[in-house]
Every structure is written in structure tokens, then in C-alpha cells.
Protein backbone atom coordinates (compact mmCIF):
# COMPACT_ATOMS: atom_id res chain seq x y z
CA MET A 1 0.03 -0.24 0.03
CA LYS A 2 2.79 2.20 1.17
CA SER A 3 4.62 1.80 -2.29
CA SER A 4 1.73 2.69 -4.44
CA TYR A 5 1.36 5.81 -2.72
CA ILE A 6 4.85 6.59 -3.34
CA VAL A 7 4.23 6.00 -7.05
CA CYS A 8 1.14 8.18 -7.42
CA ALA A 9 2.89 10.90 -5.76
CA GLY A 10 5.96 10.68 -8.11
CA VAL A 11 3.74 10.47 -11.14
CA ALA A 12 2.01 13.44 -10.06
CA LEU A 13 4.91 15.48 -9.55
CA TRP A 14 5.60 14.49 -13.01
CA CYS A 15 2.83 15.70 -14.47
CA ALA A 16 2.69 18.97 -12.75
CA ALA A 17 6.20 19.58 -14.30
CA ILE A 18 4.80 19.43 -17.79
CA VAL A 19 1.89 21.71 -19.04
CA HIS A 20 -0.41 21.03 -22.03
CA ALA A 21 -2.63 23.66 -24.32
CA SER A 22 -4.41 24.12 -27.07
CA ALA A 23 -3.83 26.95 -29.99
CA GLY A 24 -5.00 29.98 -28.55
CA GLU A 25 -4.85 29.54 -24.95
CA ALA A 26 -2.84 31.72 -22.72
CA VAL A 27 -0.76 29.29 -20.02
CA ASP A 28 1.00 30.86 -17.27
CA ALA A 29 4.30 29.96 -15.86
CA SER A 30 6.09 30.93 -12.97
CA ILE A 31 9.62 31.67 -11.98
CA LYS A 32 10.01 30.59 -7.91
CA LEU A 33 13.14 29.25 -6.12
CA PHE A 34 15.24 29.85 -9.01
CA GLN A 35 13.34 27.44 -11.26
CA PHE A 36 10.96 27.86 -14.13
CA GLN A 37 7.76 26.08 -13.22
CA PRO A 38 7.14 24.05 -15.01
CA LYS A 39 10.33 23.23 -16.74
CA SER A 40 8.48 21.81 -19.81
CA ILE A 41 5.84 23.23 -21.38
CA GLU A 42 3.53 21.67 -24.42
CA VAL A 43 1.32 23.84 -26.50
CA LYS A 44 -0.12 24.15 -29.87
CA ALA A 45 1.26 26.88 -32.19
CA GLY A 46 -0.35 30.30 -31.78
CA THR A 47 -0.55 29.44 -27.88
CA MET A 48 0.88 32.56 -25.56
CA ILE A 49 2.93 32.16 -22.58
CA LYS A 50 3.27 34.59 -19.67
CA TRP A 51 5.85 33.77 -17.02
CA THR A 52 5.76 35.67 -14.02
CA ASN A 53 8.48 36.20 -11.57
CA GLY A 54 7.64 35.10 -7.89
CA ASP A 55 11.58 35.63 -6.78
CA ASP A 56 12.93 38.54 -5.05
CA ILE A 57 15.60 38.86 -7.54
CA GLU A 58 15.69 39.67 -11.14
CA HIS A 59 15.66 37.06 -13.99
CA SER A 60 15.34 36.70 -17.49
CA VAL A 61 13.68 34.37 -19.84
CA THR A 62 15.96 33.81 -22.89
CA ALA A 63 16.01 31.64 -25.60
CA GLY A 64 18.68 29.53 -26.10
CA ALA A 65 21.19 27.96 -23.75
CA PRO A 66 23.75 29.67 -21.77
CA GLY A 67 26.29 30.89 -23.90
CA LYS A 68 24.42 30.07 -26.98
CA GLU A 69 21.31 32.47 -27.06
CA SER A 70 19.34 31.95 -30.17
CA GLY A 71 17.47 35.46 -30.57
CA GLY A 72 14.29 33.89 -30.52
CA PHE A 73 13.31 36.10 -27.82
CA ASP A 74 14.56 37.79 -24.59
CA SER A 75 12.67 39.38 -21.88
CA GLY A 76 15.50 41.24 -20.33
CA PHE A 77 15.67 41.29 -16.62
CA PHE A 78 12.39 41.36 -14.93
CA VAL A 79 11.67 41.89 -11.25
CA LYS A 80 9.36 40.22 -8.68
CA GLY A 81 5.59 40.57 -9.81
CA GLY A 82 7.00 41.81 -13.10
CA SER A 83 5.99 39.04 -16.36
CA PHE A 84 7.07 38.61 -20.02
CA GLU A 85 4.86 37.13 -22.32
CA GLN A 86 5.70 35.52 -25.74
CA VAL A 87 3.49 33.98 -28.49
CA PHE A 88 4.88 30.54 -30.15
CA ASP A 89 3.42 30.27 -33.75
CA LYS A 90 5.66 28.08 -35.38
CA PRO A 91 6.07 23.96 -34.23
CA GLY A 92 9.53 22.98 -32.85
CA THR A 93 11.47 22.55 -29.29
CA TYR A 94 12.57 25.84 -28.07
CA GLU A 95 15.01 26.04 -24.67
CA TYR A 96 15.33 28.50 -22.82
CA PHE A 97 17.57 29.99 -19.62
CA CYS A 98 18.06 32.99 -17.42
CA LYS A 99 21.04 34.97 -18.36
CA ARG A 100 21.46 35.77 -14.49
CA HIS A 101 21.27 32.51 -13.42
CA ASN A 102 22.51 30.04 -16.07
CA SER A 103 21.06 26.82 -14.04
CA MET A 104 17.77 28.12 -14.51
CA LYS A 105 16.41 26.35 -18.03
CA GLY A 106 12.95 25.37 -19.20
CA THR A 107 11.81 23.97 -22.85
CA VAL A 108 8.59 24.94 -24.71
CA VAL A 109 7.56 22.28 -27.01
CA VAL A 110 5.06 23.51 -29.78
CA THR A 111 2.85 21.30 -32.16
CA GLU A 112 0.69 22.08 -34.75
């Protein structure tokens, strides 16, 4: 009984780490405790994602990887309570990170 509870809890946490959305829907994401939450977001083309900073320090949402910015999007640094919105029109996989905290990374998967 105890082991099934642990497995269910683990599955619930894994599911919470991925968000799925349909085209035209807006998806809210957050930055808390130096992490993008959720780390992986799957959306249909045409979806807007809005990241809101919940930390007491500035963060960015920047396309690419540390040292390899792609130029696709860059929020610049924004403070607690601030937000950044990006519409994803084209299918593909988009990696992003925080320019100030290179260990903060996330992924957006856009489907048709």
C-alpha cells in the first residue's frame, strides 16, 4: 500500500512538471525559488505563454542555452511581480534560460 502511494505521488509530480495547452489558450508559468515552473511546456502553435517572477531577484526568459542565445526571444531582466509574454507560432522545440542564473532552464514544445 505504501509503495503504491509513493508511485502515485511521483507520477503526480511528474505530470505537474509538464503543461499542455491548445492553440489560442494562454499558459501561465512562474519563476519561483530559482526555477522555471513548469520546466517543460507543450502547446499548440499560436499559444501565448506568460512567465511571472515570484522571486525577490531579477530573472530573464531568454531563448537558447547559456552561452548560446538563439535570438528568438529575450525578456530582459524583470523583478518580482513582473511578467514576460511570448507567443509561439511555429512548431518546434524552444529551449530557454535565465541570463543571470544559468542553471535555470526550461523548454517549450510547440505542436501544430
